[in-house]
Amino acid sequence: KEFFLEIGTEEIPSRFIEPALAKMKELFIQLLANGRVA
């Protein structure tokens, strides 16, 4: 199935967006691996 996650935040400075997205992807992949979900 397709999975979609949207997080609404207060205004984030533009210099923090890219690192936050990279960390979010890394943590999601780690969460999938720990939960044995492919």
PDB file of all heavy atoms in Angstrom:
ATOM      1  N   LYS A   1       0.846  -1.196   0.000  1.00  0.00           N
ATOM      2  CA  LYS A   1       0.000   0.000   0.000  1.00  0.00           C
ATOM      3  C   LYS A   1       0.879   1.243   0.000  1.00  0.00           C
ATOM      4  O   LYS A   1       2.017   1.224   0.454  1.00  0.00           O
ATOM      5  CB  LYS A   1      -0.883   0.034   1.248  1.00  0.00           C
ATOM      6  CG  LYS A   1      -1.824  -1.111   1.396  1.00  0.00           C
ATOM      7  CD  LYS A   1      -3.064  -0.866   0.621  1.00  0.00           C
ATOM      8  CE  LYS A   1      -4.036  -2.011   0.871  1.00  0.00           C
ATOM      9  NZ  LYS A   1      -5.361  -1.704   0.497  1.00  0.00           N
ATOM     10  N   GLU A   2       0.327   2.337  -0.471  1.00  0.00           N
ATOM     11  CA  GLU A   2       1.037   3.610  -0.434  1.00  0.00           C
ATOM     12  C   GLU A   2       0.905   4.202   0.969  1.00  0.00           C
ATOM     13  O   GLU A   2      -0.144   4.105   1.602  1.00  0.00           O
ATOM     14  CB  GLU A   2       0.452   4.571  -1.462  1.00  0.00           C
ATOM     15  CG  GLU A   2       1.216   5.860  -1.570  1.00  0.00           C
ATOM     16  CD  GLU A   2       0.699   6.749  -2.683  1.00  0.00           C
ATOM     17  OE1 GLU A   2      -0.249   6.358  -3.370  1.00  0.00           O
ATOM     18  OE2 GLU A   2       1.252   7.833  -2.847  1.00  0.00           O
ATOM     19  N   PHE A   3       1.985   4.805   1.455  1.00  0.00           N
ATOM     20  CA  PHE A   3       2.006   5.410   2.784  1.00  0.00           C
ATOM     21  C   PHE A   3       2.335   6.892   2.629  1.00  0.00           C
ATOM     22  O   PHE A   3       3.218   7.271   1.860  1.00  0.00           O
ATOM     23  CB  PHE A   3       3.071   4.728   3.657  1.00  0.00           C
ATOM     24  CG  PHE A   3       3.200   5.313   5.027  1.00  0.00           C
ATOM     25  CD1 PHE A   3       2.302   4.971   6.018  1.00  0.00           C
ATOM     26  CD2 PHE A   3       4.210   6.202   5.323  1.00  0.00           C
ATOM     27  CE1 PHE A   3       2.416   5.495   7.294  1.00  0.00           C
ATOM     28  CE2 PHE A   3       4.336   6.745   6.593  1.00  0.00           C
ATOM     29  CZ  PHE A   3       3.438   6.394   7.579  1.00  0.00           C
ATOM     30  N   PHE A   4       1.603   7.744   3.359  1.00  0.00           N
ATOM     31  CA  PHE A   4       1.788   9.193   3.286  1.00  0.00           C
ATOM     32  C   PHE A   4       1.776   9.749   4.695  1.00  0.00           C
ATOM     33  O   PHE A   4       0.860   9.470   5.467  1.00  0.00           O
ATOM     34  CB  PHE A   4       0.648   9.814   2.456  1.00  0.00           C
ATOM     35  CG  PHE A   4       0.729  11.296   2.309  1.00  0.00           C
ATOM     36  CD1 PHE A   4       1.489  11.858   1.298  1.00  0.00           C
ATOM     37  CD2 PHE A   4       0.037  12.135   3.165  1.00  0.00           C
ATOM     38  CE1 PHE A   4       1.554  13.234   1.154  1.00  0.00           C
ATOM     39  CE2 PHE A   4       0.104  13.508   3.031  1.00  0.00           C
ATOM     40  CZ  PHE A   4       0.864  14.058   2.017  1.00  0.00           C
ATOM     41  N   LEU A   5       2.807  10.512   5.046  1.00  0.00           N
ATOM     42  CA  LEU A   5       2.897  11.143   6.365  1.00  0.00           C
ATOM     43  C   LEU A   5       3.146  12.631   6.161  1.00  0.00           C
ATOM     44  O   LEU A   5       4.093  13.021   5.477  1.00  0.00           O
ATOM     45  CB  LEU A   5       4.040  10.532   7.178  1.00  0.00           C
ATOM     46  CG  LEU A   5       4.364  11.198   8.509  1.00  0.00           C
ATOM     47  CD1 LEU A   5       3.214  11.008   9.504  1.00  0.00           C
ATOM     48  CD2 LEU A   5       5.648  10.638   9.080  1.00  0.00           C
ATOM     49  N   GLU A   6       2.285  13.443   6.739  1.00  0.00           N
ATOM     50  CA  GLU A   6       2.459  14.893   6.660  1.00  0.00           C
ATOM     51  C   GLU A   6       2.483  15.450   8.070  1.00  0.00           C
ATOM     52  O   GLU A   6       1.594  15.171   8.869  1.00  0.00           O
ATOM     53  CB  GLU A   6       1.313  15.533   5.872  1.00  0.00           C
ATOM     54  CG  GLU A   6       1.412  17.038   5.775  1.00  0.00           C
ATOM     55  CD  GLU A   6       0.265  17.650   4.993  1.00  0.00           C
ATOM     56  OE1 GLU A   6      -0.711  16.943   4.696  1.00  0.00           O
ATOM     57  OE2 GLU A   6       0.348  18.841   4.680  1.00  0.00           O
ATOM     58  N   ILE A   7       3.521  16.215   8.377  1.00  0.00           N
ATOM     59  CA  ILE A   7       3.660  16.816   9.696  1.00  0.00           C
ATOM     60  C   ILE A   7       3.559  18.320   9.541  1.00  0.00           C
ATOM     61  O   ILE A   7       4.362  18.939   8.829  1.00  0.00           O
ATOM     62  CB  ILE A   7       5.019  16.448  10.331  1.00  0.00           C
ATOM     63  CG1 ILE A   7       5.146  14.932  10.460  1.00  0.00           C
ATOM     64  CG2 ILE A   7       5.174  17.120  11.687  1.00  0.00           C
ATOM     65  CD1 ILE A   7       6.512  14.469  10.887  1.00  0.00           C
ATOM     66  N   GLY A   8       2.566  18.913  10.184  1.00  0.00           N
ATOM     67  CA  GLY A   8       2.415  20.360  10.177  1.00  0.00           C
ATOM     68  C   GLY A   8       3.237  20.968  11.308  1.00  0.00           C
ATOM     69  O   GLY A   8       3.238  20.455  12.424  1.00  0.00           O
ATOM     70  N   THR A   9       3.957  22.023  11.006  1.00  0.00           N
ATOM     71  CA  THR A   9       4.828  22.650  12.005  1.00  0.00           C
ATOM     72  C   THR A   9       4.634  24.160  12.003  1.00  0.00           C
ATOM     73  O   THR A   9       3.971  24.711  11.134  1.00  0.00           O
ATOM     74  CB  THR A   9       6.312  22.370  11.696  1.00  0.00           C
ATOM     75  OG1 THR A   9       6.655  23.003  10.464  1.00  0.00           O
ATOM     76  CG2 THR A   9       6.586  20.886  11.597  1.00  0.00           C
ATOM     77  N   GLU A  10       5.239  24.795  12.977  1.00  0.00           N
ATOM     78  CA  GLU A  10       5.350  26.246  12.919  1.00  0.00           C
ATOM     79  C   GLU A  10       6.428  26.573  11.889  1.00  0.00           C
ATOM     80  O   GLU A  10       7.086  25.689  11.368  1.00  0.00           O
ATOM     81  CB  GLU A  10       5.717  26.805  14.291  1.00  0.00           C
ATOM     82  CG  GLU A  10       4.599  26.638  15.308  1.00  0.00           C
ATOM     83  CD  GLU A  10       4.895  27.336  16.612  1.00  0.00           C
ATOM     84  OE1 GLU A  10       5.793  28.212  16.638  1.00  0.00           O
ATOM     85  OE2 GLU A  10       4.234  27.011  17.594  1.00  0.00           O
ATOM     86  N   GLU A  11       6.616  27.806  11.608  1.00  0.00           N
ATOM     87  CA  GLU A  11       7.583  28.224  10.586  1.00  0.00           C
ATOM     88  C   GLU A  11       8.984  27.681  10.902  1.00  0.00           C
ATOM     89  O   GLU A  11       9.538  27.942  11.962  1.00  0.00           O
ATOM     90  CB  GLU A  11       7.627  29.749  10.537  1.00  0.00           C
ATOM     91  CG  GLU A  11       8.329  30.319   9.343  1.00  0.00           C
ATOM     92  CD  GLU A  11       7.468  30.299   8.093  1.00  0.00           C
ATOM     93  OE1 GLU A  11       6.240  30.206   8.183  1.00  0.00           O
ATOM     94  OE2 GLU A  11       8.075  30.384   7.012  1.00  0.00           O
ATOM     95  N   ILE A  12       9.540  26.897   9.975  1.00  0.00           N
ATOM     96  CA  ILE A  12      10.887  26.345  10.114  1.00  0.00           C
ATOM     97  C   ILE A  12      11.824  27.171   9.229  1.00  0.00           C
ATOM     98  O   ILE A  12      11.530  27.370   8.052  1.00  0.00           O
ATOM     99  CB  ILE A  12      10.944  24.870   9.657  1.00  0.00           C
ATOM    100  CG1 ILE A  12      10.028  24.001  10.508  1.00  0.00           C
ATOM    101  CG2 ILE A  12      12.368  24.342   9.715  1.00  0.00           C
ATOM    102  CD1 ILE A  12       9.925  22.572  10.014  1.00  0.00           C
ATOM    103  N   PRO A  13      12.943  27.638   9.760  1.00  0.00           N
ATOM    104  CA  PRO A  13      13.910  28.338   8.901  1.00  0.00           C
ATOM    105  C   PRO A  13      14.378  27.419   7.769  1.00  0.00           C
ATOM    106  O   PRO A  13      14.541  26.212   7.950  1.00  0.00           O
ATOM    107  CB  PRO A  13      15.061  28.672   9.850  1.00  0.00           C
ATOM    108  CG  PRO A  13      14.443  28.692  11.211  1.00  0.00           C
ATOM    109  CD  PRO A  13      13.368  27.642  11.161  1.00  0.00           C
ATOM    110  N   SER A  14      14.585  27.979   6.605  1.00  0.00           N
ATOM    111  CA  SER A  14      14.890  27.180   5.411  1.00  0.00           C
ATOM    112  C   SER A  14      16.158  26.351   5.562  1.00  0.00           C
ATOM    113  O   SER A  14      16.262  25.268   4.994  1.00  0.00           O
ATOM    114  CB  SER A  14      14.990  28.087   4.184  1.00  0.00           C
ATOM    115  OG  SER A  14      16.026  29.027   4.360  1.00  0.00           O
ATOM    116  N   ARG A  15      17.119  26.803   6.339  1.00  0.00           N
ATOM    117  CA  ARG A  15      18.365  26.044   6.488  1.00  0.00           C
ATOM    118  C   ARG A  15      18.176  24.754   7.288  1.00  0.00           C
ATOM    119  O   ARG A  15      19.015  23.865   7.255  1.00  0.00           O
ATOM    120  CB  ARG A  15      19.448  26.917   7.112  1.00  0.00           C
ATOM    121  CG  ARG A  15      19.230  27.274   8.548  1.00  0.00           C
ATOM    122  CD  ARG A  15      20.361  28.160   9.081  1.00  0.00           C
ATOM    123  NE  ARG A  15      20.177  28.451  10.479  1.00  0.00           N
ATOM    124  CZ  ARG A  15      19.478  29.469  10.958  1.00  0.00           C
ATOM    125  NH1 ARG A  15      18.855  30.291  10.140  1.00  0.00           N
ATOM    126  NH2 ARG A  15      19.387  29.657  12.253  1.00  0.00           N
ATOM    127  N   PHE A  16      17.063  24.625   8.014  1.00  0.00           N
ATOM    128  CA  PHE A  16      16.796  23.430   8.806  1.00  0.00           C
ATOM    129  C   PHE A  16      15.939  22.396   8.071  1.00  0.00           C
ATOM    130  O   PHE A  16      15.815  21.268   8.524  1.00  0.00           O
ATOM    131  CB  PHE A  16      16.093  23.794  10.116  1.00  0.00           C
ATOM    132  CG  PHE A  16      16.940  24.626  11.043  1.00  0.00           C
ATOM    133  CD1 PHE A  16      16.428  25.773  11.626  1.00  0.00           C
ATOM    134  CD2 PHE A  16      18.233  24.259  11.343  1.00  0.00           C
ATOM    135  CE1 PHE A  16      17.193  26.544  12.481  1.00  0.00           C
ATOM    136  CE2 PHE A  16      19.013  25.012  12.201  1.00  0.00           C
ATOM    137  CZ  PHE A  16      18.491  26.158  12.767  1.00  0.00           C
ATOM    138  N   ILE A  17      15.342  22.763   6.952  1.00  0.00           N
ATOM    139  CA  ILE A  17      14.416  21.860   6.273  1.00  0.00           C
ATOM    140  C   ILE A  17      15.129  20.644   5.702  1.00  0.00           C
ATOM    141  O   ILE A  17      14.716  19.502   5.933  1.00  0.00           O
ATOM    142  CB  ILE A  17      13.614  22.606   5.198  1.00  0.00           C
ATOM    143  CG1 ILE A  17      12.690  23.627   5.870  1.00  0.00           C
ATOM    144  CG2 ILE A  17      12.790  21.638   4.357  1.00  0.00           C
ATOM    145  CD1 ILE A  17      11.949  24.520   4.910  1.00  0.00           C
ATOM    146  N   GLU A  18      16.196  20.835   4.954  1.00  0.00           N
ATOM    147  CA  GLU A  18      16.915  19.702   4.339  1.00  0.00           C
ATOM    148  C   GLU A  18      17.451  18.716   5.379  1.00  0.00           C
ATOM    149  O   GLU A  18      17.255  17.514   5.232  1.00  0.00           O
ATOM    150  CB  GLU A  18      18.047  20.201   3.433  1.00  0.00           C
ATOM    151  CG  GLU A  18      17.564  20.735   2.101  1.00  0.00           C
ATOM    152  CD  GLU A  18      16.827  19.699   1.264  1.00  0.00           C
ATOM    153  OE1 GLU A  18      17.260  18.525   1.231  1.00  0.00           O
ATOM    154  OE2 GLU A  18      15.808  20.049   0.668  1.00  0.00           O
ATOM    155  N   PRO A  19      18.128  19.170   6.443  1.00  0.00           N
ATOM    156  CA  PRO A  19      18.582  18.212   7.456  1.00  0.00           C
ATOM    157  C   PRO A  19      17.415  17.488   8.146  1.00  0.00           C
ATOM    158  O   PRO A  19      17.508  16.295   8.444  1.00  0.00           O
ATOM    159  CB  PRO A  19      19.353  19.061   8.464  1.00  0.00           C
ATOM    160  CG  PRO A  19      19.717  20.304   7.743  1.00  0.00           C
ATOM    161  CD  PRO A  19      18.655  20.510   6.719  1.00  0.00           C
ATOM    162  N   ALA A  20      16.312  18.183   8.361  1.00  0.00           N
ATOM    163  CA  ALA A  20      15.148  17.552   8.988  1.00  0.00           C
ATOM    164  C   ALA A  20      14.560  16.473   8.087  1.00  0.00           C
ATOM    165  O   ALA A  20      14.192  15.398   8.559  1.00  0.00           O
ATOM    166  CB  ALA A  20      14.089  18.606   9.321  1.00  0.00           C
ATOM    167  N   LEU A  21      14.492  16.741   6.797  1.00  0.00           N
ATOM    168  CA  LEU A  21      13.966  15.752   5.854  1.00  0.00           C
ATOM    169  C   LEU A  21      14.879  14.533   5.769  1.00  0.00           C
ATOM    170  O   LEU A  21      14.405  13.396   5.736  1.00  0.00           O
ATOM    171  CB  LEU A  21      13.791  16.377   4.472  1.00  0.00           C
ATOM    172  CG  LEU A  21      12.693  17.444   4.358  1.00  0.00           C
ATOM    173  CD1 LEU A  21      12.726  18.079   2.988  1.00  0.00           C
ATOM    174  CD2 LEU A  21      11.337  16.861   4.666  1.00  0.00           C
ATOM    175  N   ALA A  22      16.183  14.759   5.737  1.00  0.00           N
ATOM    176  CA  ALA A  22      17.134  13.643   5.677  1.00  0.00           C
ATOM    177  C   ALA A  22      17.026  12.782   6.933  1.00  0.00           C
ATOM    178  O   ALA A  22      17.015  11.547   6.853  1.00  0.00           O
ATOM    179  CB  ALA A  22      18.551  14.167   5.517  1.00  0.00           C
ATOM    180  N   LYS A  23      16.916  13.412   8.096  1.00  0.00           N
ATOM    181  CA  LYS A  23      16.790  12.678   9.352  1.00  0.00           C
ATOM    182  C   LYS A  23      15.457  11.942   9.427  1.00  0.00           C
ATOM    183  O   LYS A  23      15.389  10.809   9.913  1.00  0.00           O
ATOM    184  CB  LYS A  23      16.942  13.637  10.539  1.00  0.00           C
ATOM    185  CG  LYS A  23      17.065  12.952  11.857  1.00  0.00           C
ATOM    186  CD  LYS A  23      18.345  12.139  11.921  1.00  0.00           C
ATOM    187  CE  LYS A  23      18.554  11.585  13.298  1.00  0.00           C
ATOM    188  NZ  LYS A  23      19.765  10.779  13.400  1.00  0.00           N
ATOM    189  N   MET A  24      14.385  12.561   8.931  1.00  0.00           N
ATOM    190  CA  MET A  24      13.076  11.925   8.932  1.00  0.00           C
ATOM    191  C   MET A  24      13.094  10.657   8.077  1.00  0.00           C
ATOM    192  O   MET A  24      12.582   9.610   8.489  1.00  0.00           O
ATOM    193  CB  MET A  24      12.007  12.895   8.421  1.00  0.00           C
ATOM    194  CG  MET A  24      10.604  12.366   8.523  1.00  0.00           C
ATOM    195  SD  MET A  24       9.333  13.627   8.287  1.00  0.00           S
ATOM    196  CE  MET A  24       9.352  13.805   6.529  1.00  0.00           C
ATOM    197  N   LYS A  25      13.725  10.726   6.917  1.00  0.00           N
ATOM    198  CA  LYS A  25      13.824   9.548   6.042  1.00  0.00           C
ATOM    199  C   LYS A  25      14.668   8.462   6.699  1.00  0.00           C
ATOM    200  O   LYS A  25      14.303   7.290   6.700  1.00  0.00           O
ATOM    201  CB  LYS A  25      14.420   9.940   4.694  1.00  0.00           C
ATOM    202  CG  LYS A  25      14.472   8.817   3.704  1.00  0.00           C
ATOM    203  CD  LYS A  25      14.954   9.286   2.345  1.00  0.00           C
ATOM    204  CE  LYS A  25      14.962   8.146   1.344  1.00  0.00           C
ATOM    205  NZ  LYS A  25      15.370   8.601   0.014  1.00  0.00           N
ATOM    206  N   GLU A  26      15.789   8.843   7.283  1.00  0.00           N
ATOM    207  CA  GLU A  26      16.672   7.881   7.958  1.00  0.00           C
ATOM    208  C   GLU A  26      15.948   7.179   9.104  1.00  0.00           C
ATOM    209  O   GLU A  26      16.012   5.958   9.243  1.00  0.00           O
ATOM    210  CB  GLU A  26      17.903   8.617   8.486  1.00  0.00           C
ATOM    211  CG  GLU A  26      18.843   7.781   9.312  1.00  0.00           C
ATOM    212  CD  GLU A  26      19.934   8.630   9.959  1.00  0.00           C
ATOM    213  OE1 GLU A  26      20.331   9.653   9.383  1.00  0.00           O
ATOM    214  OE2 GLU A  26      20.371   8.251  11.066  1.00  0.00           O
ATOM    215  N   LEU A  27      15.237   7.931   9.928  1.00  0.00           N
ATOM    216  CA  LEU A  27      14.516   7.349  11.064  1.00  0.00           C
ATOM    217  C   LEU A  27      13.360   6.466  10.604  1.00  0.00           C
ATOM    218  O   LEU A  27      13.073   5.439  11.222  1.00  0.00           O
ATOM    219  CB  LEU A  27      14.004   8.452  11.991  1.00  0.00           C
ATOM    220  CG  LEU A  27      15.079   9.188  12.784  1.00  0.00           C
ATOM    221  CD1 LEU A  27      14.472  10.364  13.542  1.00  0.00           C
ATOM    222  CD2 LEU A  27      15.794   8.249  13.730  1.00  0.00           C
ATOM    223  N   PHE A  28      12.696   6.830   9.516  1.00  0.00           N
ATOM    224  CA  PHE A  28      11.603   6.017   9.000  1.00  0.00           C
ATOM    225  C   PHE A  28      12.123   4.675   8.492  1.00  0.00           C
ATOM    226  O   PHE A  28      11.532   3.630   8.770  1.00  0.00           O
ATOM    227  CB  PHE A  28      10.873   6.769   7.885  1.00  0.00           C
ATOM    228  CG  PHE A  28       9.675   6.034   7.354  1.00  0.00           C
ATOM    229  CD1 PHE A  28       8.526   5.919   8.109  1.00  0.00           C
ATOM    230  CD2 PHE A  28       9.697   5.462   6.097  1.00  0.00           C
ATOM    231  CE1 PHE A  28       7.419   5.244   7.628  1.00  0.00           C
ATOM    232  CE2 PHE A  28       8.601   4.788   5.598  1.00  0.00           C
ATOM    233  CZ  PHE A  28       7.450   4.683   6.371  1.00  0.00           C
ATOM    234  N   ILE A  29      13.245   4.691   7.778  1.00  0.00           N
ATOM    235  CA  ILE A  29      13.847   3.448   7.288  1.00  0.00           C
ATOM    236  C   ILE A  29      14.265   2.570   8.464  1.00  0.00           C
ATOM    237  O   ILE A  29      14.050   1.357   8.467  1.00  0.00           O
ATOM    238  CB  ILE A  29      15.026   3.752   6.345  1.00  0.00           C
ATOM    239  CG1 ILE A  29      14.497   4.378   5.054  1.00  0.00           C
ATOM    240  CG2 ILE A  29      15.845   2.505   6.049  1.00  0.00           C
ATOM    241  CD1 ILE A  29      15.574   4.939   4.152  1.00  0.00           C
ATOM    242  N   GLN A  30      14.833   3.180   9.484  1.00  0.00           N
ATOM    243  CA  GLN A  30      15.235   2.442  10.683  1.00  0.00           C
ATOM    244  C   GLN A  30      14.008   1.863  11.404  1.00  0.00           C
ATOM    245  O   GLN A  30      14.027   0.716  11.858  1.00  0.00           O
ATOM    246  CB  GLN A  30      16.006   3.361  11.620  1.00  0.00           C
ATOM    247  CG  GLN A  30      16.521   2.702  12.863  1.00  0.00           C
ATOM    248  CD  GLN A  30      17.275   3.694  13.750  1.00  0.00           C
ATOM    249  OE1 GLN A  30      17.370   4.876  13.443  1.00  0.00           O
ATOM    250  NE2 GLN A  30      17.787   3.207  14.846  1.00  0.00           N
ATOM    251  N   LEU A  31      12.929   2.621  11.479  1.00  0.00           N
ATOM    252  CA  LEU A  31      11.700   2.147  12.109  1.00  0.00           C
ATOM    253  C   LEU A  31      11.117   0.959  11.351  1.00  0.00           C
ATOM    254  O   LEU A  31      10.670  -0.013  11.957  1.00  0.00           O
ATOM    255  CB  LEU A  31      10.682   3.284  12.159  1.00  0.00           C
ATOM    256  CG  LEU A  31       9.343   2.987  12.808  1.00  0.00           C
ATOM    257  CD1 LEU A  31       9.524   2.758  14.296  1.00  0.00           C
ATOM    258  CD2 LEU A  31       8.383   4.119  12.562  1.00  0.00           C
ATOM    259  N   LEU A  32      11.150   1.010  10.025  1.00  0.00           N
ATOM    260  CA  LEU A  32      10.671  -0.112   9.221  1.00  0.00           C
ATOM    261  C   LEU A  32      11.506  -1.360   9.468  1.00  0.00           C
ATOM    262  O   LEU A  32      10.976  -2.461   9.611  1.00  0.00           O
ATOM    263  CB  LEU A  32      10.698   0.237   7.729  1.00  0.00           C
ATOM    264  CG  LEU A  32       9.697   1.277   7.244  1.00  0.00           C
ATOM    265  CD1 LEU A  32       9.900   1.536   5.760  1.00  0.00           C
ATOM    266  CD2 LEU A  32       8.280   0.862   7.531  1.00  0.00           C
ATOM    267  N   ALA A  33      12.820  -1.194   9.520  1.00  0.00           N
ATOM    268  CA  ALA A  33      13.708  -2.338   9.746  1.00  0.00           C
ATOM    269  C   ALA A  33      13.470  -2.945  11.125  1.00  0.00           C
ATOM    270  O   ALA A  33      13.401  -4.172  11.271  1.00  0.00           O
ATOM    271  CB  ALA A  33      15.162  -1.915   9.591  1.00  0.00           C
ATOM    272  N   ASN A  34      13.338  -2.110  12.141  1.00  0.00           N
ATOM    273  CA  ASN A  34      13.099  -2.610  13.504  1.00  0.00           C
ATOM    274  C   ASN A  34      11.747  -3.294  13.623  1.00  0.00           C
ATOM    275  O   ASN A  34      11.586  -4.213  14.418  1.00  0.00           O
ATOM    276  CB  ASN A  34      13.189  -1.474  14.518  1.00  0.00           C
ATOM    277  CG  ASN A  34      14.599  -0.957  14.683  1.00  0.00           C
ATOM    278  OD1 ASN A  34      15.560  -1.600  14.289  1.00  0.00           O
ATOM    279  ND2 ASN A  34      14.717   0.223  15.258  1.00  0.00           N
ATOM    280  N   GLY A  35      10.770  -2.853  12.852  1.00  0.00           N
ATOM    281  CA  GLY A  35       9.439  -3.430  12.900  1.00  0.00           C
ATOM    282  C   GLY A  35       9.229  -4.559  11.914  1.00  0.00           C
ATOM    283  O   GLY A  35       8.114  -5.064  11.787  1.00  0.00           O
ATOM    284  N   ARG A  36      10.276  -4.946  11.180  1.00  0.00           N
ATOM    285  CA  ARG A  36      10.218  -6.014  10.188  1.00  0.00           C
ATOM    286  C   ARG A  36       9.151  -5.754   9.133  1.00  0.00           C
ATOM    287  O   ARG A  36       8.403  -6.630   8.737  1.00  0.00           O
ATOM    288  CB  ARG A  36       9.969  -7.369  10.869  1.00  0.00           C
ATOM    289  CG  ARG A  36      11.040  -7.780  11.843  1.00  0.00           C
ATOM    290  CD  ARG A  36      10.806  -9.146  12.462  1.00  0.00           C
ATOM    291  NE  ARG A  36       9.440  -9.586  12.605  1.00  0.00           N
ATOM    292  CZ  ARG A  36       8.666  -9.386  13.672  1.00  0.00           C
ATOM    293  NH1 ARG A  36       9.138  -8.723  14.694  1.00  0.00           N
ATOM    294  NH2 ARG A  36       7.438  -9.860  13.723  1.00  0.00           N
ATOM    295  N   VAL A  37       9.059  -4.504   8.673  1.00  0.00           N
ATOM    296  CA  VAL A  37       8.125  -4.130   7.618  1.00  0.00           C
ATOM    297  C   VAL A  37       8.944  -3.780   6.390  1.00  0.00           C
ATOM    298  O   VAL A  37       9.892  -2.995   6.468  1.00  0.00           O
ATOM    299  CB  VAL A  37       7.258  -2.924   8.039  1.00  0.00           C
ATOM    300  CG1 VAL A  37       6.339  -2.498   6.912  1.00  0.00           C
ATOM    301  CG2 VAL A  37       6.462  -3.249   9.281  1.00  0.00           C
ATOM    302  N   ALA A  38       8.573  -4.346   5.249  1.00  0.00           N
ATOM    303  CA  ALA A  38       9.334  -4.124   4.019  1.00  0.00           C
ATOM    304  C   ALA A  38       8.724  -2.987   3.211  1.00  0.00           C
ATOM    305  O   ALA A  38       7.516  -2.804   3.178  1.00  0.00           O
ATOM    306  CB  ALA A  38       9.353  -5.394   3.182  1.00  0.00           C
TER     307      ALA A  38
END
